[in-house]
C-alpha atoms as a PDB file:
ATOM      1  CA  MET A   1       0.526   0.226  -0.057  1.00  0.00           C
ATOM      2  CA  ALA A   2       1.658   3.760  -0.737  1.00  0.00           C
ATOM      3  CA  GLN A   3       1.849   6.005   1.461  1.00  0.00           C
ATOM      4  CA  ALA A   4       0.513   9.032   0.962  1.00  0.00           C
ATOM      5  CA  ALA A   5       2.245  12.239   0.695  1.00  0.00           C
ATOM      6  CA  ARG A   6       2.794  14.611   3.825  1.00  0.00           C
ATOM      7  CA  LEU A   7       2.728  18.676   4.125  1.00  0.00           C
ATOM      8  CA  ILE A   8       5.365  20.615   4.369  1.00  0.00           C
ATOM      9  CA  CYS A   9       4.116  23.725   3.616  1.00  0.00           C
ATOM     10  CA  ALA A  10       1.812  26.191   2.283  1.00  0.00           C
ATOM     11  CA  SER A  11       3.322  27.248  -1.523  1.00  0.00           C
ATOM     12  CA  ALA A  12       3.058  30.648  -1.185  1.00  0.00           C
ATOM     13  CA  GLU A  13       5.747  30.162   2.383  1.00  0.00           C
ATOM     14  CA  LEU A  14       8.934  29.380  -0.272  1.00  0.00           C
ATOM     15  CA  ALA A  15       9.941  32.644  -2.200  1.00  0.00           C
ATOM     16  CA  ASP A  16      12.904  32.046  -4.889  1.00  0.00           C
ATOM     17  CA  GLY A  17      16.357  32.287  -2.991  1.00  0.00           C
ATOM     18  CA  GLY A  18      14.522  32.935  -0.089  1.00  0.00           C
ATOM     19  CA  LYS A  19      14.227  31.332   3.318  1.00  0.00           C
ATOM     20  CA  GLY A  20      13.711  27.837   3.346  1.00  0.00           C
ATOM     21  CA  ILE A  21      11.109  25.775   5.712  1.00  0.00           C
ATOM     22  CA  ARG A  22      13.366  23.206   7.898  1.00  0.00           C
ATOM     23  CA  PHE A  23      11.096  20.194   8.687  1.00  0.00           C
ATOM     24  CA  GLU A  24      12.004  16.882  10.211  1.00  0.00           C
ATOM     25  CA  ILE A  25      11.882  12.884   8.647  1.00  0.00           C
ATOM     26  CA  PRO A  26      11.884   9.487  10.476  1.00  0.00           C
ATOM     27  CA  ALA A  27      14.710   7.874  11.092  1.00  0.00           C
ATOM     28  CA  GLU A  28      15.648   4.197  11.987  1.00  0.00           C
ATOM     29  CA  SER A  29      18.876   6.578  13.770  1.00  0.00           C
ATOM     30  CA  GLY A  30      15.915   8.880  15.168  1.00  0.00           C
ATOM     31  CA  PRO A  31      14.043  12.293  13.220  1.00  0.00           C
ATOM     32  CA  GLN A  32      16.825  13.774  10.422  1.00  0.00           C
ATOM     33  CA  SER A  33      16.752  17.843   9.813  1.00  0.00           C
ATOM     34  CA  ALA A  34      15.816  17.994   5.823  1.00  0.00           C
ATOM     35  CA  PHE A  35      14.515  21.370   4.316  1.00  0.00           C
ATOM     36  CA  VAL A  36      12.672  22.286   1.130  1.00  0.00           C
ATOM     37  CA  VAL A  37      13.569  26.128  -1.272  1.00  0.00           C
ATOM     38  CA  ARG A  38      12.778  27.579  -3.844  1.00  0.00           C
ATOM     39  CA  HIS A  39      14.551  28.189  -7.058  1.00  0.00           C
ATOM     40  CA  GLY A  40      13.676  28.753  -9.911  1.00  0.00           C
ATOM     41  CA  GLY A  41      10.014  28.691  -9.101  1.00  0.00           C
ATOM     42  CA  GLN A  42      10.842  25.027  -8.441  1.00  0.00           C
ATOM     43  CA  VAL A  43      11.217  23.399  -4.656  1.00  0.00           C
ATOM     44  CA  TYR A  44      13.506  21.345  -4.254  1.00  0.00           C
ATOM     45  CA  GLY A  45      13.845  19.711  -0.788  1.00  0.00           C
ATOM     46  CA  TYR A  46      17.258  17.444   1.103  1.00  0.00           C
ATOM     47  CA  LEU A  47      18.270  16.548   3.965  1.00  0.00           C
ATOM     48  CA  ASN A  48      19.656  19.074   5.845  1.00  0.00           C
ATOM     49  CA  ARG A  49      23.130  17.893   5.875  1.00  0.00           C
ATOM     50  CA  CYS A  50      26.153  19.361   4.456  1.00  0.00           C
ATOM     51  CA  ALA A  51      28.384  16.604   2.332  1.00  0.00           C
ATOM     52  CA  HIS A  52      31.354  17.185   4.270  1.00  0.00           C
ATOM     53  CA  ILE A  53      30.926  16.879   7.247  1.00  0.00           C
ATOM     54  CA  GLY A  54      27.421  16.445   7.760  1.00  0.00           C
ATOM     55  CA  VAL A  55      26.550  19.614   9.987  1.00  0.00           C
ATOM     56  CA  GLU A  56      23.188  21.766   9.235  1.00  0.00           C
ATOM     57  CA  LEU A  57      23.864  23.804   6.775  1.00  0.00           C
ATOM     58  CA  ASP A  58      21.287  26.641   7.790  1.00  0.00           C
ATOM     59  CA  TRP A  59      23.301  30.100   9.868  1.00  0.00           C
ATOM     60  CA  GLN A  60      19.684  30.930  11.333  1.00  0.00           C
ATOM     61  CA  PRO A  61      16.769  28.582  11.331  1.00  0.00           C
ATOM     62  CA  GLY A  62      16.227  28.471   7.264  1.00  0.00           C
ATOM     63  CA  GLU A  63      18.640  30.800   5.782  1.00  0.00           C
ATOM     64  CA  PHE A  64      20.102  28.135   2.730  1.00  0.00           C
ATOM     65  CA  PHE A  65      20.668  30.475   0.336  1.00  0.00           C
ATOM     66  CA  GLU A  66      23.484  33.262   0.115  1.00  0.00           C
ATOM     67  CA  ASP A  67      23.316  37.049  -0.310  1.00  0.00           C
ATOM     68  CA  SER A  68      22.138  36.911  -3.670  1.00  0.00           C
ATOM     69  CA  GLY A  69      20.218  33.951  -3.516  1.00  0.00           C
ATOM     70  CA  LEU A  70      21.192  31.771  -6.108  1.00  0.00           C
ATOM     71  CA  TYR A  71      23.281  29.600  -4.011  1.00  0.00           C
ATOM     72  CA  LEU A  72      23.021  27.304  -1.055  1.00  0.00           C
ATOM     73  CA  VAL A  73      25.475  27.603   1.168  1.00  0.00           C
ATOM     74  CA  CYS A  74      26.642  25.963   4.731  1.00  0.00           C
ATOM     75  CA  THR A  75      27.771  28.525   6.830  1.00  0.00           C
ATOM     76  CA  THR A  76      30.328  26.023   8.943  1.00  0.00           C
ATOM     77  CA  HIS A  77      32.881  25.594   5.614  1.00  0.00           C
ATOM     78  CA  SER A  78      31.147  27.875   2.770  1.00  0.00           C
ATOM     79  CA  ALA A  79      30.809  24.767   0.899  1.00  0.00           C
ATOM     80  CA  THR A  80      27.916  25.948  -1.876  1.00  0.00           C
ATOM     81  CA  TYR A  81      25.360  24.473  -4.058  1.00  0.00           C
ATOM     82  CA  LEU A  82      23.402  24.259  -6.574  1.00  0.00           C
ATOM     83  CA  PRO A  83      19.615  24.334  -5.343  1.00  0.00           C
ATOM     84  CA  ASP A  84      18.461  22.463  -8.483  1.00  0.00           C
ATOM     85  CA  SER A  85      20.674  19.278  -7.654  1.00  0.00           C
ATOM     86  CA  GLY A  86      22.041  19.747  -4.623  1.00  0.00           C
ATOM     87  CA  MET A  87      25.647  19.328  -5.841  1.00  0.00           C
ATOM     88  CA  CYS A  88      28.691  21.231  -4.453  1.00  0.00           C
ATOM     89  CA  ILE A  89      30.269  23.247  -6.502  1.00  0.00           C
ATOM     90  CA  ALA A  90      33.170  25.422  -4.369  1.00  0.00           C
ATOM     91  CA  GLY A  91      34.924  24.228  -1.323  1.00  0.00           C
ATOM     92  CA  PRO A  92      35.534  21.206   1.439  1.00  0.00           C
ATOM     93  CA  CYS A  93      33.227  18.807  -0.852  1.00  0.00           C
ATOM     94  CA  ARG A  94      33.469  19.726  -4.388  1.00  0.00           C
ATOM     95  CA  GLY A  95      31.645  17.661  -6.605  1.00  0.00           C
ATOM     96  CA  ALA A  96      30.003  15.318  -3.543  1.00  0.00           C
ATOM     97  CA  ARG A  97      25.611  16.845  -3.423  1.00  0.00           C
ATOM     98  CA  LEU A  98      22.954  17.051  -0.899  1.00  0.00           C
ATOM     99  CA  THR A  99      20.293  14.183  -0.212  1.00  0.00           C
ATOM    100  CA  GLN A 100      17.605  15.294  -2.191  1.00  0.00           C
ATOM    101  CA  LEU A 101      14.097  14.375  -1.244  1.00  0.00           C
ATOM    102  CA  ASP A 102      11.445  13.620  -3.049  1.00  0.00           C
ATOM    103  CA  VAL A 103       9.085  16.727  -2.693  1.00  0.00           C
ATOM    104  CA  PHE A 104       6.357  18.311  -5.102  1.00  0.00           C
ATOM    105  CA  GLU A 105       4.137  21.280  -5.191  1.00  0.00           C
ATOM    106  CA  GLN A 106      -0.642  20.558  -5.682  1.00  0.00           C
ATOM    107  CA  ASP A 107      -3.251  22.612  -5.126  1.00  0.00           C
ATOM    108  CA  GLY A 108      -0.817  25.362  -3.254  1.00  0.00           C
ATOM    109  CA  GLY A 109       1.469  22.748  -0.691  1.00  0.00           C
ATOM    110  CA  VAL A 110       4.283  21.240  -1.010  1.00  0.00           C
ATOM    111  CA  TYR A 111       4.709  17.940  -0.283  1.00  0.00           C
ATOM    112  CA  LEU A 112       7.147  14.724   0.838  1.00  0.00           C
ATOM    113  CA  LYS A 113       6.268  11.509  -0.733  1.00  0.00           C
END
C-alpha cells in the first residue's frame, strides 16, 4: 500500500531564493532535519546535512541561500551547492551532493512523497 504524501508547507511560504522551511523526517537512527527551498520557480528538498562533515547548513533557521539567493551554502565552511541538484560547486566537498528528497508542489501546498 502506498504511503500518503506529507504536507510540508503552503506554496506561498517559499519565495524564490528566499527563506527555506525546515522539517523533520523519521529515520531508524531518529528524526533527521530536512528542508525545502524554491529556486527558479521550482521546489527542492534536501536533508539538512552538509556533504562534507554532516552539520546543518543554515546559519539561522531557514537561511540556506547566500546573499544573492542563487546558491545554497553551508555556514560552517562555505561549501556552496546548486539548489536544483544539490551538487557542491565550491568548498571542501566539491563534487559531492546533498541528499535530495522527493518533494512536489500541488494545489497550493508543498509535499514530501
